[in-house]
Amino acid sequence: MATGSEAGKPAEVMLEWPKQDKKRMLHAVYRVGDLDRTIKCYTECFGMKLLRKRDVPEEKYTNAFLGFGPEDTNFALELTYSMFIGPLAIVSNAAGLISLLMFGQRVYLPH
């Protein structure tokens, strides 16, 4: 809904801002109960690439970043496995949802 000074601007002007705006989502974080199995699913089923993986033993967690291209130009998923949570992560993060467009079809992945 247009408000204030936006209401009087032509549609062409309003559609230019996304082309000039440099803000973007960087990544979304999902806790997972089985990191290796989740990485395998996203890489083999959806063609995502494992961009990097980081183990932080002193804080008892590991995370992995997956995406369709480099993080500096593409959105990424950060999958986090915490040794404190383990398999319970699936229950505690049940409200998450990932939506991908593959082969012209929208695919929803509940997490």
N, C-alpha and C. Protein backbone atom coordinates (compact mmCIF):
# COMPACT_ATOMS: atom_id res chain seq x y z
N MET A 1 0.84 -1.17 0.00
CA MET A 1 0.00 0.00 0.00
C MET A 1 0.89 1.24 0.00
N ALA A 2 0.64 2.13 -0.90
CA ALA A 2 1.42 3.36 -0.99
C ALA A 2 0.98 4.33 0.09
N THR A 3 1.95 5.00 0.69
CA THR A 3 1.64 5.97 1.73
C THR A 3 2.39 7.27 1.46
N GLY A 4 1.85 8.36 1.97
CA GLY A 4 2.52 9.65 1.89
C GLY A 4 2.92 10.02 0.48
N SER A 5 4.21 10.38 0.31
CA SER A 5 4.70 10.84 -0.99
C SER A 5 4.79 9.73 -2.02
N GLU A 6 4.78 8.46 -1.59
CA GLU A 6 4.85 7.35 -2.54
C GLU A 6 3.60 7.27 -3.41
N ALA A 7 2.44 7.69 -2.87
CA ALA A 7 1.18 7.57 -3.57
C ALA A 7 1.16 8.36 -4.88
N GLY A 8 1.90 9.45 -4.95
CA GLY A 8 1.88 10.28 -6.14
C GLY A 8 2.94 9.91 -7.18
N LYS A 9 3.80 8.96 -6.88
CA LYS A 9 4.87 8.60 -7.81
C LYS A 9 4.37 7.65 -8.89
N PRO A 10 4.85 7.81 -10.13
CA PRO A 10 4.46 6.89 -11.20
C PRO A 10 4.98 5.48 -10.90
N ALA A 11 4.29 4.47 -11.40
CA ALA A 11 4.65 3.07 -11.17
C ALA A 11 6.08 2.78 -11.64
N GLU A 12 6.51 3.40 -12.74
CA GLU A 12 7.85 3.15 -13.27
C GLU A 12 8.93 3.54 -12.26
N VAL A 13 8.68 4.65 -11.58
CA VAL A 13 9.63 5.13 -10.57
C VAL A 13 9.67 4.17 -9.39
N MET A 14 8.50 3.70 -8.96
CA MET A 14 8.42 2.79 -7.82
C MET A 14 9.09 1.46 -8.12
N LEU A 15 9.09 1.03 -9.37
CA LEU A 15 9.69 -0.26 -9.73
C LEU A 15 11.20 -0.18 -9.92
N GLU A 16 11.77 1.02 -9.89
CA GLU A 16 13.21 1.18 -10.05
C GLU A 16 13.99 0.90 -8.77
N TRP A 17 13.37 1.09 -7.60
CA TRP A 17 14.13 0.96 -6.36
C TRP A 17 14.73 -0.42 -6.16
N PRO A 18 14.08 -1.54 -6.54
CA PRO A 18 14.75 -2.83 -6.33
C PRO A 18 16.02 -2.99 -7.16
N LYS A 19 16.07 -2.32 -8.30
CA LYS A 19 17.27 -2.42 -9.15
C LYS A 19 18.44 -1.67 -8.54
N GLN A 20 18.16 -0.64 -7.76
CA GLN A 20 19.21 0.19 -7.18
C GLN A 20 19.52 -0.18 -5.72
N ASP A 21 18.60 -0.87 -5.08
CA ASP A 21 18.76 -1.23 -3.66
C ASP A 21 19.77 -2.36 -3.52
N LYS A 22 20.75 -2.20 -2.68
CA LYS A 22 21.80 -3.20 -2.50
C LYS A 22 21.55 -4.10 -1.28
N LYS A 23 20.46 -3.88 -0.55
CA LYS A 23 20.16 -4.72 0.60
C LYS A 23 19.62 -6.06 0.12
N ARG A 24 19.97 -7.12 0.86
CA ARG A 24 19.44 -8.45 0.54
C ARG A 24 19.55 -9.34 1.76
N MET A 25 18.79 -10.39 1.77
CA MET A 25 18.90 -11.39 2.83
C MET A 25 20.19 -12.15 2.61
N LEU A 26 20.94 -12.38 3.67
CA LEU A 26 22.21 -13.10 3.56
C LEU A 26 22.03 -14.60 3.77
N HIS A 27 21.41 -14.97 4.86
CA HIS A 27 21.17 -16.39 5.11
C HIS A 27 20.09 -16.57 6.17
N ALA A 28 19.54 -17.78 6.21
CA ALA A 28 18.58 -18.17 7.25
C ALA A 28 19.22 -19.30 8.04
N VAL A 29 18.94 -19.33 9.34
CA VAL A 29 19.53 -20.33 10.22
C VAL A 29 18.47 -21.36 10.61
N TYR A 30 18.82 -22.63 10.45
CA TYR A 30 17.95 -23.72 10.86
C TYR A 30 18.74 -24.69 11.71
N ARG A 31 18.17 -25.05 12.86
CA ARG A 31 18.79 -26.07 13.70
C ARG A 31 18.37 -27.42 13.14
N VAL A 32 19.30 -28.35 13.08
CA VAL A 32 19.00 -29.67 12.55
C VAL A 32 19.47 -30.74 13.53
N GLY A 33 18.83 -31.89 13.49
CA GLY A 33 19.17 -32.99 14.37
C GLY A 33 20.24 -33.90 13.82
N ASP A 34 20.43 -33.90 12.49
CA ASP A 34 21.44 -34.74 11.86
C ASP A 34 22.06 -33.92 10.72
N LEU A 35 23.18 -33.29 11.00
CA LEU A 35 23.78 -32.35 10.06
C LEU A 35 24.21 -33.04 8.76
N ASP A 36 24.89 -34.17 8.86
CA ASP A 36 25.36 -34.85 7.64
C ASP A 36 24.21 -35.30 6.76
N ARG A 37 23.16 -35.82 7.36
CA ARG A 37 22.00 -36.27 6.58
C ARG A 37 21.31 -35.08 5.91
N THR A 38 21.22 -33.96 6.61
CA THR A 38 20.58 -32.78 6.04
C THR A 38 21.41 -32.20 4.90
N ILE A 39 22.73 -32.16 5.07
CA ILE A 39 23.61 -31.69 3.99
C ILE A 39 23.43 -32.59 2.76
N LYS A 40 23.39 -33.88 2.98
CA LYS A 40 23.23 -34.84 1.87
C LYS A 40 21.91 -34.59 1.13
N CYS A 41 20.84 -34.34 1.87
CA CYS A 41 19.54 -34.08 1.25
C CYS A 41 19.60 -32.84 0.35
N TYR A 42 20.10 -31.73 0.88
CA TYR A 42 20.12 -30.49 0.11
C TYR A 42 21.08 -30.54 -1.08
N THR A 43 22.19 -31.23 -0.93
CA THR A 43 23.15 -31.28 -2.04
C THR A 43 22.72 -32.28 -3.11
N GLU A 44 22.23 -33.44 -2.71
CA GLU A 44 21.86 -34.47 -3.70
C GLU A 44 20.47 -34.26 -4.30
N CYS A 45 19.52 -33.85 -3.48
CA CYS A 45 18.14 -33.71 -3.98
C CYS A 45 17.88 -32.37 -4.65
N PHE A 46 18.54 -31.32 -4.17
CA PHE A 46 18.23 -29.98 -4.67
C PHE A 46 19.38 -29.30 -5.38
N GLY A 47 20.53 -29.94 -5.43
CA GLY A 47 21.66 -29.38 -6.18
C GLY A 47 22.37 -28.24 -5.49
N MET A 48 22.11 -28.03 -4.21
CA MET A 48 22.83 -26.97 -3.49
C MET A 48 24.26 -27.43 -3.26
N LYS A 49 25.13 -26.50 -3.04
CA LYS A 49 26.55 -26.79 -2.78
C LYS A 49 26.86 -26.50 -1.32
N LEU A 50 27.73 -27.33 -0.74
CA LEU A 50 28.24 -27.05 0.60
C LEU A 50 29.28 -25.96 0.44
N LEU A 51 28.98 -24.77 0.92
CA LEU A 51 29.87 -23.62 0.74
C LEU A 51 30.98 -23.60 1.79
N ARG A 52 30.63 -23.95 3.02
CA ARG A 52 31.63 -24.04 4.08
C ARG A 52 31.02 -24.74 5.28
N LYS A 53 31.88 -25.31 6.09
CA LYS A 53 31.45 -26.02 7.28
C LYS A 53 32.40 -25.63 8.40
N ARG A 54 31.85 -25.39 9.59
CA ARG A 54 32.68 -24.92 10.70
C ARG A 54 32.31 -25.70 11.96
N ASP A 55 33.31 -26.29 12.57
CA ASP A 55 33.12 -27.03 13.81
C ASP A 55 33.66 -26.16 14.95
N VAL A 56 32.85 -25.97 15.98
CA VAL A 56 33.25 -25.16 17.13
C VAL A 56 33.13 -26.05 18.37
N PRO A 57 34.13 -26.91 18.60
CA PRO A 57 34.02 -27.90 19.69
C PRO A 57 33.93 -27.29 21.08
N GLU A 58 34.58 -26.15 21.31
CA GLU A 58 34.53 -25.55 22.64
C GLU A 58 33.12 -25.06 23.01
N GLU A 59 32.29 -24.78 21.99
CA GLU A 59 30.91 -24.37 22.24
C GLU A 59 29.92 -25.47 21.86
N LYS A 60 30.46 -26.62 21.44
CA LYS A 60 29.67 -27.82 21.14
C LYS A 60 28.62 -27.63 20.05
N TYR A 61 29.04 -26.98 18.96
CA TYR A 61 28.14 -26.90 17.81
C TYR A 61 28.95 -26.93 16.51
N THR A 62 28.25 -27.29 15.44
CA THR A 62 28.82 -27.28 14.09
C THR A 62 27.79 -26.63 13.19
N ASN A 63 28.26 -25.79 12.27
CA ASN A 63 27.32 -25.28 11.29
C ASN A 63 27.88 -25.43 9.89
N ALA A 64 26.95 -25.47 8.95
CA ALA A 64 27.30 -25.62 7.54
C ALA A 64 26.48 -24.61 6.74
N PHE A 65 27.09 -24.02 5.74
CA PHE A 65 26.41 -23.07 4.87
C PHE A 65 26.24 -23.71 3.51
N LEU A 66 25.02 -23.72 3.01
CA LEU A 66 24.72 -24.28 1.70
C LEU A 66 24.05 -23.23 0.84
N GLY A 67 24.27 -23.31 -0.47
CA GLY A 67 23.63 -22.36 -1.37
C GLY A 67 23.80 -22.80 -2.81
N PHE A 68 23.21 -22.02 -3.71
CA PHE A 68 23.30 -22.30 -5.14
C PHE A 68 24.44 -21.54 -5.80
N GLY A 69 25.14 -20.73 -5.03
CA GLY A 69 26.26 -19.96 -5.54
C GLY A 69 26.99 -19.32 -4.39
N PRO A 70 28.03 -18.55 -4.67
CA PRO A 70 28.83 -17.91 -3.62
C PRO A 70 27.97 -17.03 -2.70
N GLU A 71 28.33 -17.01 -1.42
CA GLU A 71 27.56 -16.24 -0.44
C GLU A 71 27.58 -14.73 -0.70
N ASP A 72 28.60 -14.24 -1.36
CA ASP A 72 28.66 -12.79 -1.59
C ASP A 72 27.61 -12.32 -2.60
N THR A 73 27.02 -13.24 -3.37
CA THR A 73 26.00 -12.86 -4.35
C THR A 73 24.73 -13.68 -4.25
N ASN A 74 24.68 -14.69 -3.38
CA ASN A 74 23.52 -15.57 -3.28
C ASN A 74 23.11 -15.78 -1.84
N PHE A 75 21.84 -16.04 -1.66
CA PHE A 75 21.28 -16.39 -0.36
C PHE A 75 21.81 -17.76 0.06
N ALA A 76 22.00 -17.98 1.35
CA ALA A 76 22.50 -19.26 1.84
C ALA A 76 21.66 -19.75 3.01
N LEU A 77 21.71 -21.06 3.22
CA LEU A 77 21.12 -21.67 4.41
C LEU A 77 22.24 -21.99 5.38
N GLU A 78 22.06 -21.61 6.63
CA GLU A 78 23.01 -22.00 7.66
C GLU A 78 22.34 -23.10 8.48
N LEU A 79 22.88 -24.30 8.40
CA LEU A 79 22.37 -25.43 9.16
C LEU A 79 23.24 -25.57 10.40
N THR A 80 22.61 -25.60 11.56
CA THR A 80 23.36 -25.67 12.82
C THR A 80 22.98 -26.91 13.59
N TYR A 81 23.99 -27.68 13.98
CA TYR A 81 23.80 -28.84 14.85
C TYR A 81 24.46 -28.52 16.17
N SER A 82 23.69 -28.58 17.25
CA SER A 82 24.22 -28.35 18.59
C SER A 82 24.23 -29.67 19.35
N MET A 83 25.37 -29.99 19.93
CA MET A 83 25.46 -31.22 20.71
C MET A 83 24.58 -31.17 21.95
N PHE A 84 24.18 -29.96 22.36
CA PHE A 84 23.27 -29.83 23.51
C PHE A 84 21.85 -30.20 23.12
N ILE A 85 21.49 -29.98 21.87
CA ILE A 85 20.12 -30.21 21.42
C ILE A 85 20.00 -31.55 20.71
N GLY A 86 20.95 -31.86 19.82
CA GLY A 86 20.93 -33.13 19.09
C GLY A 86 19.65 -33.31 18.30
N PRO A 87 19.10 -34.53 18.30
CA PRO A 87 17.89 -34.82 17.51
C PRO A 87 16.66 -34.02 17.92
N LEU A 88 16.63 -33.44 19.11
CA LEU A 88 15.48 -32.65 19.52
C LEU A 88 15.34 -31.35 18.73
N ALA A 89 16.37 -30.99 17.96
CA ALA A 89 16.31 -29.76 17.16
C ALA A 89 15.13 -29.78 16.20
N ILE A 90 14.76 -30.93 15.70
CA ILE A 90 13.66 -31.02 14.75
C ILE A 90 12.36 -30.60 15.44
N VAL A 91 12.16 -31.02 16.67
CA VAL A 91 10.95 -30.65 17.41
C VAL A 91 10.97 -29.17 17.77
N SER A 92 12.11 -28.67 18.23
CA SER A 92 12.18 -27.30 18.70
C SER A 92 12.14 -26.27 17.58
N ASN A 93 12.38 -26.68 16.36
CA ASN A 93 12.40 -25.75 15.23
C ASN A 93 11.33 -26.12 14.20
N ALA A 94 10.25 -26.73 14.65
CA ALA A 94 9.24 -27.27 13.74
C ALA A 94 8.51 -26.22 12.92
N ALA A 95 8.57 -24.95 13.32
CA ALA A 95 7.84 -23.92 12.59
C ALA A 95 8.57 -23.44 11.35
N GLY A 96 9.81 -23.84 11.15
CA GLY A 96 10.58 -23.38 10.00
C GLY A 96 10.08 -23.98 8.70
N LEU A 97 10.25 -23.25 7.61
CA LEU A 97 9.85 -23.75 6.30
C LEU A 97 10.78 -23.14 5.27
N ILE A 98 11.23 -23.97 4.34
CA ILE A 98 12.07 -23.49 3.25
C ILE A 98 11.30 -23.71 1.96
N SER A 99 11.25 -22.72 1.12
CA SER A 99 10.56 -22.83 -0.15
C SER A 99 11.57 -22.64 -1.28
N LEU A 100 11.64 -23.60 -2.19
CA LEU A 100 12.54 -23.53 -3.33
C LEU A 100 11.73 -23.62 -4.61
N LEU A 101 12.22 -23.00 -5.67
CA LEU A 101 11.61 -23.15 -6.98
C LEU A 101 12.53 -24.01 -7.81
N MET A 102 12.06 -25.20 -8.14
CA MET A 102 12.89 -26.14 -8.89
C MET A 102 12.08 -26.67 -10.07
N PHE A 103 12.67 -26.62 -11.24
CA PHE A 103 12.02 -27.14 -12.45
C PHE A 103 10.63 -26.56 -12.65
N GLY A 104 10.49 -25.28 -12.31
CA GLY A 104 9.23 -24.61 -12.48
C GLY A 104 8.19 -24.94 -11.42
N GLN A 105 8.55 -25.76 -10.45
CA GLN A 105 7.63 -26.15 -9.38
C GLN A 105 8.14 -25.61 -8.05
N ARG A 106 7.23 -25.15 -7.23
CA ARG A 106 7.62 -24.69 -5.89
C ARG A 106 7.68 -25.91 -4.98
N VAL A 107 8.78 -26.03 -4.25
CA VAL A 107 9.00 -27.16 -3.34
C VAL A 107 9.11 -26.61 -1.93
N TYR A 108 8.35 -27.16 -1.00
CA TYR A 108 8.39 -26.73 0.39
C TYR A 108 9.06 -27.80 1.24
N LEU A 109 10.00 -27.38 2.05
CA LEU A 109 10.73 -28.29 2.92
C LEU A 109 10.48 -27.90 4.37
N PRO A 110 9.60 -28.59 5.07
CA PRO A 110 9.39 -28.25 6.47
C PRO A 110 10.63 -28.63 7.27
N HIS A 111 10.96 -27.82 8.24
CA HIS A 111 12.11 -28.11 9.12
C HIS A 111 11.64 -28.15 10.53
